[in-house]
PDB file of N, CA and C in Angstrom:
ATOM      1  N   UNK A   1      93.910  84.355  97.773  1.00  0.00           N
ATOM      2  CA  UNK A   1      93.153  84.693  98.797  1.00  0.00           C
ATOM      3  C   UNK A   1      91.951  85.895  97.985  1.00  0.00           C
ATOM      4  N   UNK A   2      90.600  85.966  98.443  1.00  0.00           N
ATOM      5  CA  UNK A   2      89.821  86.705  97.750  1.00  0.00           C
ATOM      6  C   UNK A   2      89.980  87.933  98.247  1.00  0.00           C
ATOM      7  N   UNK A   3      89.732  88.668  97.055  1.00  0.00           N
ATOM      8  CA  UNK A   3      89.802  90.390  97.165  1.00  0.00           C
ATOM      9  C   UNK A   3      89.189  91.003  98.636  1.00  0.00           C
ATOM     10  N   UNK A   4      89.423  92.178  99.390  1.00  0.00           N
ATOM     11  CA  UNK A   4      88.590  92.103 100.792  1.00  0.00           C
ATOM     12  C   UNK A   4      88.892  91.324 102.007  1.00  0.00           C
ATOM     13  N   UNK A   5      89.239  89.934 101.474  1.00  0.00           N
ATOM     14  CA  UNK A   5      88.848  89.465 102.772  1.00  0.00           C
ATOM     15  C   UNK A   5      90.802  89.071 103.417  1.00  0.00           C
ATOM     16  N   UNK A   6      91.969  90.011 102.787  1.00  0.00           N
ATOM     17  CA  UNK A   6      93.123  89.564 103.282  1.00  0.00           C
ATOM     18  C   UNK A   6      93.824  89.690 104.503  1.00  0.00           C
ATOM     19  N   UNK A   7      93.346  90.827 104.984  1.00  0.00           N
ATOM     20  CA  UNK A   7      93.816  91.489 106.494  1.00  0.00           C
ATOM     21  C   UNK A   7      93.118  90.706 107.274  1.00  0.00           C
ATOM     22  N   UNK A   8      94.128  90.698 108.599  1.00  0.00           N
ATOM     23  CA  UNK A   8      94.425  89.593 109.582  1.00  0.00           C
ATOM     24  C   UNK A   8      94.260  90.793 111.111  1.00  0.00           C
ATOM     25  N   UNK A   9      94.445  90.704 112.428  1.00  0.00           N
ATOM     26  CA  UNK A   9      94.969  91.216 112.911  1.00  0.00           C
ATOM     27  C   UNK A   9      96.559  90.361 113.070  1.00  0.00           C
ATOM     28  N   UNK A  10      97.341  91.453 113.329  1.00  0.00           N
ATOM     29  CA  UNK A  10      98.737  90.915 113.553  1.00  0.00           C
ATOM     30  C   UNK A  10      99.955  91.490 114.367  1.00  0.00           C
ATOM     31  N   UNK A  11     100.691  89.972 114.503  1.00  0.00           N
ATOM     32  CA  UNK A  11     101.476  90.672 115.950  1.00  0.00           C
ATOM     33  C   UNK A  11     102.437  90.810 115.743  1.00  0.00           C
ATOM     34  N   UNK A  12     103.092  91.422 114.443  1.00  0.00           N
ATOM     35  CA  UNK A  12     103.997  91.982 114.226  1.00  0.00           C
ATOM     36  C   UNK A  12     103.951  93.275 115.349  1.00  0.00           C
ATOM     37  N   UNK A  13     105.361  93.614 115.723  1.00  0.00           N
ATOM     38  CA  UNK A  13     105.371  95.322 116.562  1.00  0.00           C
ATOM     39  C   UNK A  13     106.368  95.709 115.486  1.00  0.00           C
ATOM     40  N   UNK A  14     106.534  97.148 115.634  1.00  0.00           N
ATOM     41  CA  UNK A  14     107.198  97.724 115.271  1.00  0.00           C
ATOM     42  C   UNK A  14     109.262  97.335 114.902  1.00  0.00           C
ATOM     43  N   UNK A  15     109.568  96.858 116.391  1.00  0.00           N
ATOM     44  CA  UNK A  15     110.631  96.218 116.283  1.00  0.00           C
ATOM     45  C   UNK A  15     111.057  95.496 115.240  1.00  0.00           C
ATOM     46  N   UNK A  16     109.516  94.350 114.724  1.00  0.00           N
ATOM     47  CA  UNK A  16     109.903  93.370 114.119  1.00  0.00           C
ATOM     48  C   UNK A  16     109.547  94.104 112.642  1.00  0.00           C
ATOM     49  N   UNK A  17     109.400  95.222 111.943  1.00  0.00           N
ATOM     50  CA  UNK A  17     109.551  94.951 110.897  1.00  0.00           C
ATOM     51  C   UNK A  17     110.392  96.356 110.562  1.00  0.00           C
ATOM     52  N   UNK A  18     111.329  96.959 111.689  1.00  0.00           N
ATOM     53  CA  UNK A  18     112.243  97.600 111.045  1.00  0.00           C
ATOM     54  C   UNK A  18     113.720  96.575 111.194  1.00  0.00           C
ATOM     55  N   UNK A  19     113.845  95.218 111.543  1.00  0.00           N
ATOM     56  CA  UNK A  19     114.023  94.844 110.995  1.00  0.00           C
ATOM     57  C   UNK A  19     114.137  93.634 109.493  1.00  0.00           C
ATOM     58  N   UNK A  20     113.578  94.172 109.564  1.00  0.00           N
ATOM     59  CA  UNK A  20     113.192  93.117 108.095  1.00  0.00           C
ATOM     60  C   UNK A  20     114.142  93.328 106.934  1.00  0.00           C
ATOM     61  N   UNK A  21     114.595  92.581 105.811  1.00  0.00           N
ATOM     62  CA  UNK A  21     115.416  92.794 105.121  1.00  0.00           C
ATOM     63  C   UNK A  21     114.596  92.679 103.692  1.00  0.00           C
ATOM     64  N   UNK A  22     115.510  93.267 102.280  1.00  0.00           N
ATOM     65  CA  UNK A  22     115.205  93.667 101.682  1.00  0.00           C
ATOM     66  C   UNK A  22     113.674  94.714 101.074  1.00  0.00           C
ATOM     67  N   UNK A  23     112.951  94.434 100.287  1.00  0.00           N
ATOM     68  CA  UNK A  23     112.042  95.392  99.627  1.00  0.00           C
ATOM     69  C   UNK A  23     110.550  94.499 100.442  1.00  0.00           C
ATOM     70  N   UNK A  24     109.813  95.203 101.507  1.00  0.00           N
ATOM     71  CA  UNK A  24     108.672  95.092 101.761  1.00  0.00           C
ATOM     72  C   UNK A  24     107.247  95.845 101.711  1.00  0.00           C
ATOM     73  N   UNK A  25     106.540  95.012 101.750  1.00  0.00           N
ATOM     74  CA  UNK A  25     105.388  96.076 101.549  1.00  0.00           C
ATOM     75  C   UNK A  25     103.959  95.523 102.520  1.00  0.00           C
ATOM     76  N   UNK A  26     104.276  96.874 103.811  1.00  0.00           N
ATOM     77  CA  UNK A  26     103.296  96.939 104.876  1.00  0.00           C
ATOM     78  C   UNK A  26     101.779  97.316 104.112  1.00  0.00           C
ATOM     79  N   UNK A  27     100.521  96.043 104.047  1.00  0.00           N
ATOM     80  CA  UNK A  27      99.078  97.096 103.408  1.00  0.00           C
ATOM     81  C   UNK A  27      98.333  97.042 104.364  1.00  0.00           C
ATOM     82  N   UNK A  28      98.254  98.005 105.066  1.00  0.00           N
ATOM     83  CA  UNK A  28      96.999  98.561 105.694  1.00  0.00           C
ATOM     84  C   UNK A  28      96.035  99.181 106.212  1.00  0.00           C
ATOM     85  N   UNK A  29      94.293  98.547 106.073  1.00  0.00           N
ATOM     86  CA  UNK A  29      93.369  98.370 106.342  1.00  0.00           C
ATOM     87  C   UNK A  29      92.796  97.491 106.767  1.00  0.00           C
ATOM     88  N   UNK A  30      90.989  96.876 106.810  1.00  0.00           N
ATOM     89  CA  UNK A  30      90.478  96.361 106.905  1.00  0.00           C
ATOM     90  C   UNK A  30      89.258  95.736 105.764  1.00  0.00           C
ATOM     91  N   UNK A  31      88.597  94.365 106.195  1.00  0.00           N
ATOM     92  CA  UNK A  31      88.335  93.480 105.631  1.00  0.00           C
ATOM     93  C   UNK A  31      86.892  94.608 105.050  1.00  0.00           C
ATOM     94  N   UNK A  32      86.314  95.622 106.218  1.00  0.00           N
ATOM     95  CA  UNK A  32      85.329  95.731 105.469  1.00  0.00           C
ATOM     96  C   UNK A  32      85.203  97.106 104.281  1.00  0.00           C
ATOM     97  N   UNK A  33      86.445  97.420 104.723  1.00  0.00           N
ATOM     98  CA  UNK A  33      86.770  99.366 103.894  1.00  0.00           C
ATOM     99  C   UNK A  33      86.432  99.128 102.422  1.00  0.00           C
ATOM    100  N   UNK A  34      85.357  99.717 102.239  1.00  0.00           N
ATOM    101  CA  UNK A  34      85.266  99.702 100.199  1.00  0.00           C
ATOM    102  C   UNK A  34      86.299 100.463  99.823  1.00  0.00           C
ATOM    103  N   UNK A  35      87.333 101.587 100.297  1.00  0.00           N
ATOM    104  CA  UNK A  35      88.442 101.436 100.011  1.00  0.00           C
ATOM    105  C   UNK A  35      89.104 100.802  99.571  1.00  0.00           C
ATOM    106  N   UNK A  36      89.532  99.771 100.430  1.00  0.00           N
ATOM    107  CA  UNK A  36      90.354  98.553 100.575  1.00  0.00           C
ATOM    108  C   UNK A  36      89.788  97.312  99.175  1.00  0.00           C
ATOM    109  N   UNK A  37      89.204  97.166  99.757  1.00  0.00           N
ATOM    110  CA  UNK A  37      88.104  96.557  98.643  1.00  0.00           C
ATOM    111  C   UNK A  37      88.557  96.780  97.084  1.00  0.00           C
ATOM    112  N   UNK A  38      88.444  98.184  96.986  1.00  0.00           N
ATOM    113  CA  UNK A  38      88.408  98.782  95.590  1.00  0.00           C
ATOM    114  C   UNK A  38      90.021  98.471  94.761  1.00  0.00           C
ATOM    115  N   UNK A  39      90.836  99.127  95.902  1.00  0.00           N
ATOM    116  CA  UNK A  39      91.911  98.866  95.502  1.00  0.00           C
ATOM    117  C   UNK A  39      92.690  97.611  95.601  1.00  0.00           C
ATOM    118  N   UNK A  40      91.916  96.141  96.038  1.00  0.00           N
ATOM    119  CA  UNK A  40      92.857  95.209  96.174  1.00  0.00           C
ATOM    120  C   UNK A  40      93.325  94.335  94.670  1.00  0.00           C
ATOM    121  N   UNK A  41      92.035  95.248  93.195  1.00  0.00           N
ATOM    122  CA  UNK A  41      92.799  94.216  92.527  1.00  0.00           C
ATOM    123  C   UNK A  41      93.879  94.690  91.669  1.00  0.00           C
ATOM    124  N   UNK A  42      93.981  96.058  91.727  1.00  0.00           N
ATOM    125  CA  UNK A  42      95.717  96.449  91.267  1.00  0.00           C
ATOM    126  C   UNK A  42      95.908  96.520  91.939  1.00  0.00           C
ATOM    127  N   UNK A  43      96.269  96.471  93.615  1.00  0.00           N
ATOM    128  CA  UNK A  43      97.338  95.704  93.726  1.00  0.00           C
ATOM    129  C   UNK A  43      97.509  94.582  93.519  1.00  0.00           C
ATOM    130  N   UNK A  44      96.546  93.588  93.715  1.00  0.00           N
ATOM    131  CA  UNK A  44      97.013  92.364  93.040  1.00  0.00           C
ATOM    132  C   UNK A  44      97.610  92.127  92.010  1.00  0.00           C
ATOM    133  N   UNK A  45      97.212  92.766  90.966  1.00  0.00           N
ATOM    134  CA  UNK A  45      97.548  92.999  89.693  1.00  0.00           C
ATOM    135  C   UNK A  45      99.499  92.991  89.406  1.00  0.00           C
ATOM    136  N   UNK A  46      99.593  93.979  90.523  1.00  0.00           N
ATOM    137  CA  UNK A  46     100.798  94.648  90.545  1.00  0.00           C
ATOM    138  C   UNK A  46     101.966  93.497  91.593  1.00  0.00           C
ATOM    139  N   UNK A  47     101.680  93.504  92.267  1.00  0.00           N
ATOM    140  CA  UNK A  47     102.304  92.675  93.322  1.00  0.00           C
ATOM    141  C   UNK A  47     102.818  91.244  92.801  1.00  0.00           C
ATOM    142  N   UNK A  48     101.550  90.119  91.713  1.00  0.00           N
ATOM    143  CA  UNK A  48     102.150  89.211  90.691  1.00  0.00           C
ATOM    144  C   UNK A  48     102.883  89.218  90.618  1.00  0.00           C
ATOM    145  N   UNK A  49     103.999  89.765  90.068  1.00  0.00           N
ATOM    146  CA  UNK A  49     104.661  90.167  89.398  1.00  0.00           C
ATOM    147  C   UNK A  49     105.901  90.395  89.929  1.00  0.00           C
ATOM    148  N   UNK A  50     105.708  90.319  91.256  1.00  0.00           N
ATOM    149  CA  UNK A  50     106.980  91.079  92.476  1.00  0.00           C
ATOM    150  C   UNK A  50     106.947  90.466  93.327  1.00  0.00           C
ATOM    151  N   UNK A  51     107.505  89.146  93.484  1.00  0.00           N
ATOM    152  CA  UNK A  51     107.452  87.874  94.280  1.00  0.00           C
ATOM    153  C   UNK A  51     108.553  88.213  95.193  1.00  0.00           C
ATOM    154  N   UNK A  52     109.540  89.087  94.668  1.00  0.00           N
ATOM    155  CA  UNK A  52     110.824  89.731  95.464  1.00  0.00           C
ATOM    156  C   UNK A  52     110.756  90.280  96.616  1.00  0.00           C
ATOM    157  N   UNK A  53     108.947  90.968  96.733  1.00  0.00           N
ATOM    158  CA  UNK A  53     108.394  92.068  97.730  1.00  0.00           C
ATOM    159  C   UNK A  53     108.135  91.378  98.859  1.00  0.00           C
ATOM    160  N   UNK A  54     108.255  91.081  99.999  1.00  0.00           N
ATOM    161  CA  UNK A  54     107.525  90.544 100.988  1.00  0.00           C
ATOM    162  C   UNK A  54     106.106  91.295 101.271  1.00  0.00           C
ATOM    163  N   UNK A  55     105.418  90.627 101.486  1.00  0.00           N
ATOM    164  CA  UNK A  55     103.734  91.709 101.868  1.00  0.00           C
ATOM    165  C   UNK A  55     102.840  91.029 102.670  1.00  0.00           C
ATOM    166  N   UNK A  56     103.047  92.165 103.605  1.00  0.00           N
ATOM    167  CA  UNK A  56     101.983  91.740 104.764  1.00  0.00           C
ATOM    168  C   UNK A  56     100.638  92.535 105.064  1.00  0.00           C
ATOM    169  N   UNK A  57      99.592  91.263 105.273  1.00  0.00           N
ATOM    170  CA  UNK A  57      98.124  92.429 105.210  1.00  0.00           C
ATOM    171  C   UNK A  57      98.006  92.894 106.890  1.00  0.00           C
ATOM    172  N   UNK A  58      97.936  94.042 106.994  1.00  0.00           N
ATOM    173  CA  UNK A  58      97.510  94.082 108.717  1.00  0.00           C
ATOM    174  C   UNK A  58      96.427  94.987 108.913  1.00  0.00           C
ATOM    175  N   UNK A  59      95.641  94.676 110.136  1.00  0.00           N
ATOM    176  CA  UNK A  59      93.956  94.901 109.972  1.00  0.00           C
ATOM    177  C   UNK A  59      94.608  96.393 110.667  1.00  0.00           C
ATOM    178  N   UNK A  60      94.166  96.716 110.467  1.00  0.00           N
ATOM    179  CA  UNK A  60      94.852  98.131 111.802  1.00  0.00           C
ATOM    180  C   UNK A  60      93.168  98.976 112.206  1.00  0.00           C
ATOM    181  N   UNK A  61      93.078  99.966 112.835  1.00  0.00           N
ATOM    182  CA  UNK A  61      92.216 100.506 113.874  1.00  0.00           C
ATOM    183  C   UNK A  61      92.534 101.103 115.164  1.00  0.00           C
ATOM    184  N   UNK A  62      91.686 102.312 115.287  1.00  0.00           N
ATOM    185  CA  UNK A  62      91.731 102.661 116.889  1.00  0.00           C
ATOM    186  C   UNK A  62      92.776 101.556 117.184  1.00  0.00           C
ATOM    187  N   UNK A  63      93.748 101.842 118.743  1.00  0.00           N
ATOM    188  CA  UNK A  63      94.875 101.087 119.359  1.00  0.00           C
ATOM    189  C   UNK A  63      95.707 100.188 118.990  1.00  0.00           C
ATOM    190  N   UNK A  64      95.825 100.306 117.372  1.00  0.00           N
ATOM    191  CA  UNK A  64      96.701  99.224 116.857  1.00  0.00           C
ATOM    192  C   UNK A  64      97.861  99.614 117.026  1.00  0.00           C
ATOM    193  N   UNK A  65      98.927  99.388 117.575  1.00  0.00           N
ATOM    194  CA  UNK A  65     100.372  99.992 117.767  1.00  0.00           C
ATOM    195  C   UNK A  65     100.901 100.308 116.698  1.00  0.00           C
ATOM    196  N   UNK A  66     100.943  98.744 115.550  1.00  0.00           N
ATOM    197  CA  UNK A  66     101.587  99.370 113.980  1.00  0.00           C
ATOM    198  C   UNK A  66     100.930 100.050 113.954  1.00  0.00           C
ATOM    199  N   UNK A  67      99.768 100.454 113.074  1.00  0.00           N
ATOM    200  CA  UNK A  67      99.178 101.378 112.433  1.00  0.00           C
ATOM    201  C   UNK A  67      99.390 102.728 113.470  1.00  0.00           C
ATOM    202  N   UNK A  68      99.434 102.404 114.569  1.00  0.00           N
ATOM    203  CA  UNK A  68      99.933 103.784 114.994  1.00  0.00           C
ATOM    204  C   UNK A  68     101.542 104.279 114.958  1.00  0.00           C
ATOM    205  N   UNK A  69     102.012 104.077 115.051  1.00  0.00           N
ATOM    206  CA  UNK A  69     103.303 103.832 114.973  1.00  0.00           C
ATOM    207  C   UNK A  69     104.087 104.898 113.466  1.00  0.00           C
ATOM    208  N   UNK A  70     103.381 103.883 112.435  1.00  0.00           N
ATOM    209  CA  UNK A  70     103.239 104.457 110.841  1.00  0.00           C
ATOM    210  C   UNK A  70     102.470 105.667 111.248  1.00  0.00           C
ATOM    211  N   UNK A  71     101.546 106.203 111.826  1.00  0.00           N
ATOM    212  CA  UNK A  71     100.940 107.266 111.509  1.00  0.00           C
ATOM    213  C   UNK A  71      99.760 107.310 110.546  1.00  0.00           C
ATOM    214  N   UNK A  72      99.174 105.684 110.641  1.00  0.00           N
ATOM    215  CA  UNK A  72      98.368 105.378 109.467  1.00  0.00           C
ATOM    216  C   UNK A  72      96.762 106.132 109.509  1.00  0.00           C
ATOM    217  N   UNK A  73      96.525 107.116 108.945  1.00  0.00           N
ATOM    218  CA  UNK A  73      94.715 107.995 108.696  1.00  0.00           C
ATOM    219  C   UNK A  73      94.033 107.326 107.927  1.00  0.00           C
ATOM    220  N   UNK A  74      94.380 106.747 106.828  1.00  0.00           N
ATOM    221  CA  UNK A  74      93.562 106.422 105.876  1.00  0.00           C
ATOM    222  C   UNK A  74      93.675 104.955 105.344  1.00  0.00           C
ATOM    223  N   UNK A  75      92.734 103.727 105.048  1.00  0.00           N
ATOM    224  CA  UNK A  75      92.818 102.981 103.732  1.00  0.00           C
ATOM    225  C   UNK A  75      92.106 102.647 103.010  1.00  0.00           C
ATOM    226  N   UNK A  76      93.617 101.958 101.770  1.00  0.00           N
ATOM    227  CA  UNK A  76      94.169 101.721 102.867  1.00  0.00           C
ATOM    228  C   UNK A  76      95.247 102.148 102.174  1.00  0.00           C
ATOM    229  N   UNK A  77      96.174 102.063 103.117  1.00  0.00           N
ATOM    230  CA  UNK A  77      97.929 102.698 103.456  1.00  0.00           C
ATOM    231  C   UNK A  77      98.311 101.659 102.849  1.00  0.00           C
ATOM    232  N   UNK A  78      99.382 101.611 101.750  1.00  0.00           N
ATOM    233  CA  UNK A  78     100.396 101.016 101.890  1.00  0.00           C
ATOM    234  C   UNK A  78     102.127 101.587 101.716  1.00  0.00           C
ATOM    235  N   UNK A  79     102.498 101.505 102.934  1.00  0.00           N
ATOM    236  CA  UNK A  79     103.872 101.586 103.718  1.00  0.00           C
ATOM    237  C   UNK A  79     105.236 100.095 102.771  1.00  0.00           C
ATOM    238  N   UNK A  80     105.850 100.832 102.047  1.00  0.00           N
ATOM    239  CA  UNK A  80     107.368 100.385 101.165  1.00  0.00           C
ATOM    240  C   UNK A  80     108.541 100.540 102.224  1.00  0.00           C
ATOM    241  N   UNK A  81     109.114  99.570 103.032  1.00  0.00           N
ATOM    242  CA  UNK A  81     110.026  99.510 103.634  1.00  0.00           C
ATOM    243  C   UNK A  81     111.253  98.838 102.843  1.00  0.00           C
ATOM    244  N   UNK A  82     112.382  99.128 102.534  1.00  0.00           N
ATOM    245  CA  UNK A  82     114.161  98.859 102.270  1.00  0.00           C
ATOM    246  C   UNK A  82     114.303  98.511 103.444  1.00  0.00           C
ATOM    247  N   UNK A  83     115.132  97.610 103.499  1.00  0.00           N
ATOM    248  CA  UNK A  83     115.748  97.192 105.193  1.00  0.00           C
ATOM    249  C   UNK A  83     115.008  97.695 106.192  1.00  0.00           C
ATOM    250  N   UNK A  84     114.268  97.467 106.401  1.00  0.00           N
ATOM    251  CA  UNK A  84     113.039  98.273 107.330  1.00  0.00           C
ATOM    252  C   UNK A  84     112.809  99.442 108.010  1.00  0.00           C
ATOM    253  N   UNK A  85     113.178 100.455 106.880  1.00  0.00           N
ATOM    254  CA  UNK A  85     113.169 101.907 106.651  1.00  0.00           C
ATOM    255  C   UNK A  85     112.852 102.410 105.308  1.00  0.00           C
ATOM    256  N   UNK A  86     111.415 102.898 105.853  1.00  0.00           N
ATOM    257  CA  UNK A  86     110.012 103.744 105.043  1.00  0.00           C
ATOM    258  C   UNK A  86     110.345 103.866 103.823  1.00  0.00           C
ATOM    259  N   UNK A  87     110.504 104.155 102.236  1.00  0.00           N
ATOM    260  CA  UNK A  87     110.977 104.333 101.083  1.00  0.00           C
ATOM    261  C   UNK A  87     109.968 105.459 101.049  1.00  0.00           C
ATOM    262  N   UNK A  88     108.536 104.773 101.312  1.00  0.00           N
ATOM    263  CA  UNK A  88     107.374 105.664 100.215  1.00  0.00           C
ATOM    264  C   UNK A  88     106.389 104.948 101.195  1.00  0.00           C
ATOM    265  N   UNK A  89     105.335 105.536 100.739  1.00  0.00           N
ATOM    266  CA  UNK A  89     104.069 105.074 100.732  1.00  0.00           C
ATOM    267  C   UNK A  89     103.007 105.882  99.503  1.00  0.00           C
ATOM    268  N   UNK A  90     101.706 104.816  99.699  1.00  0.00           N
ATOM    269  CA  UNK A  90     100.387 105.161  98.806  1.00  0.00           C
ATOM    270  C   UNK A  90      99.121 105.151  99.259  1.00  0.00           C
ATOM    271  N   UNK A  91      98.810 106.148  99.837  1.00  0.00           N
ATOM    272  CA  UNK A  91      97.102 106.293 100.508  1.00  0.00           C
ATOM    273  C   UNK A  91      96.002 106.436  99.517  1.00  0.00           C
ATOM    274  N   UNK A  92      95.043 105.161  99.690  1.00  0.00           N
ATOM    275  CA  UNK A  92      94.304 104.376  98.911  1.00  0.00           C
ATOM    276  C   UNK A  92      94.827 105.111  97.257  1.00  0.00           C
ATOM    277  N   UNK A  93      95.278 104.237  96.590  1.00  0.00           N
ATOM    278  CA  UNK A  93      95.735 104.014  95.290  1.00  0.00           C
ATOM    279  C   UNK A  93      94.855 104.197  94.569  1.00  0.00           C
ATOM    280  N   UNK A  94      94.931 104.587  92.892  1.00  0.00           N
ATOM    281  CA  UNK A  94      93.779 104.834  92.305  1.00  0.00           C
ATOM    282  C   UNK A  94      93.998 103.888  90.888  1.00  0.00           C
ATOM    283  N   UNK A  95      95.175 103.972  90.967  1.00  0.00           N
ATOM    284  CA  UNK A  95      96.133 102.819  89.205  1.00  0.00           C
ATOM    285  C   UNK A  95      96.972 101.775  90.169  1.00  0.00           C
ATOM    286  N   UNK A  96      96.967 101.393  89.278  1.00  0.00           N
ATOM    287  CA  UNK A  96      98.124 100.534  89.332  1.00  0.00           C
ATOM    288  C   UNK A  96     100.312 101.380  88.900  1.00  0.00           C
ATOM    289  N   UNK A  97      99.762 102.136  87.994  1.00  0.00           N
ATOM    290  CA  UNK A  97     100.408 102.658  87.916  1.00  0.00           C
ATOM    291  C   UNK A  97     101.938 103.569  89.167  1.00  0.00           C
ATOM    292  N   UNK A  98     100.750 104.285  90.126  1.00  0.00           N
ATOM    293  CA  UNK A  98     101.016 104.556  91.206  1.00  0.00           C
ATOM    294  C   UNK A  98     102.021 103.936  91.784  1.00  0.00           C
ATOM    295  N   UNK A  99     101.861 102.280  92.358  1.00  0.00           N
ATOM    296  CA  UNK A  99     101.977 101.242  92.937  1.00  0.00           C
ATOM    297  C   UNK A  99     103.706 100.795  91.894  1.00  0.00           C
ATOM    298  N   UNK A 100     103.378 101.008  90.712  1.00  0.00           N
ATOM    299  CA  UNK A 100     104.647 100.597  89.836  1.00  0.00           C
ATOM    300  C   UNK A 100     105.433 101.782  90.194  1.00  0.00           C
ATOM    301  N   UNK A 101     105.291 102.552  90.192  1.00  0.00           N
ATOM    302  CA  UNK A 101     106.231 103.445  89.817  1.00  0.00           C
ATOM    303  C   UNK A 101     107.042 103.487  91.595  1.00  0.00           C
ATOM    304  N   UNK A 102     105.949 103.720  92.903  1.00  0.00           N
ATOM    305  CA  UNK A 102     106.576 103.899  93.869  1.00  0.00           C
ATOM    306  C   UNK A 102     107.860 102.229  93.848  1.00  0.00           C
ATOM    307  N   UNK A 103     107.332 101.297  93.860  1.00  0.00           N
ATOM    308  CA  UNK A 103     108.456  99.946  93.327  1.00  0.00           C
ATOM    309  C   UNK A 103     109.360  99.872  92.969  1.00  0.00           C
ATOM    310  N   UNK A 104     109.235 100.491  91.629  1.00  0.00           N
ATOM    311  CA  UNK A 104     110.685 101.037  91.221  1.00  0.00           C
ATOM    312  C   UNK A 104     111.654 102.541  91.323  1.00  0.00           C
ATOM    313  N   UNK A 105     111.095 103.257  92.156  1.00  0.00           N
ATOM    314  CA  UNK A 105     111.502 103.893  92.702  1.00  0.00           C
ATOM    315  C   UNK A 105     112.825 103.447  94.247  1.00  0.00           C
ATOM    316  N   UNK A 106     111.857 102.395  94.661  1.00  0.00           N
ATOM    317  CA  UNK A 106     112.221 101.467  95.931  1.00  0.00           C
ATOM    318  C   UNK A 106     113.694 100.512  95.279  1.00  0.00           C
ATOM    319  N   UNK A 107     113.612 100.567  94.219  1.00  0.00           N
ATOM    320  CA  UNK A 107     114.566  99.331  93.827  1.00  0.00           C
ATOM    321  C   UNK A 107     115.666  99.829  92.964  1.00  0.00           C
ATOM    322  N   UNK A 108     115.566 100.880  92.971  1.00  0.00           N
ATOM    323  CA  UNK A 108     116.673 101.920  92.278  1.00  0.00           C
ATOM    324  C   UNK A 108     117.683 101.710  92.850  1.00  0.00           C
TER     325      UNK A 108
END
């Protein structure tokens, strides 16, 4: 996928994410967000080596219930779930090490 064009309106609901099994990364943002576009390459570089982590690009905005249920305030926000439970999050990651550390901690 082209960086900056991955987000889509999702019909994913909170009760669905609460039932996800294994590791899942919810990536909240928008295609037009400069911060989302800038972070995309580093997120892609890390996630390419983690096929074991399910990944969801979720277009967020006012009135979007899934983002509100996770109290998303800034984009991109990455919410890492293990078996449906939040185990960590990153807001506007600046380097790959932050995401690697998050994934490593959740896998332990």
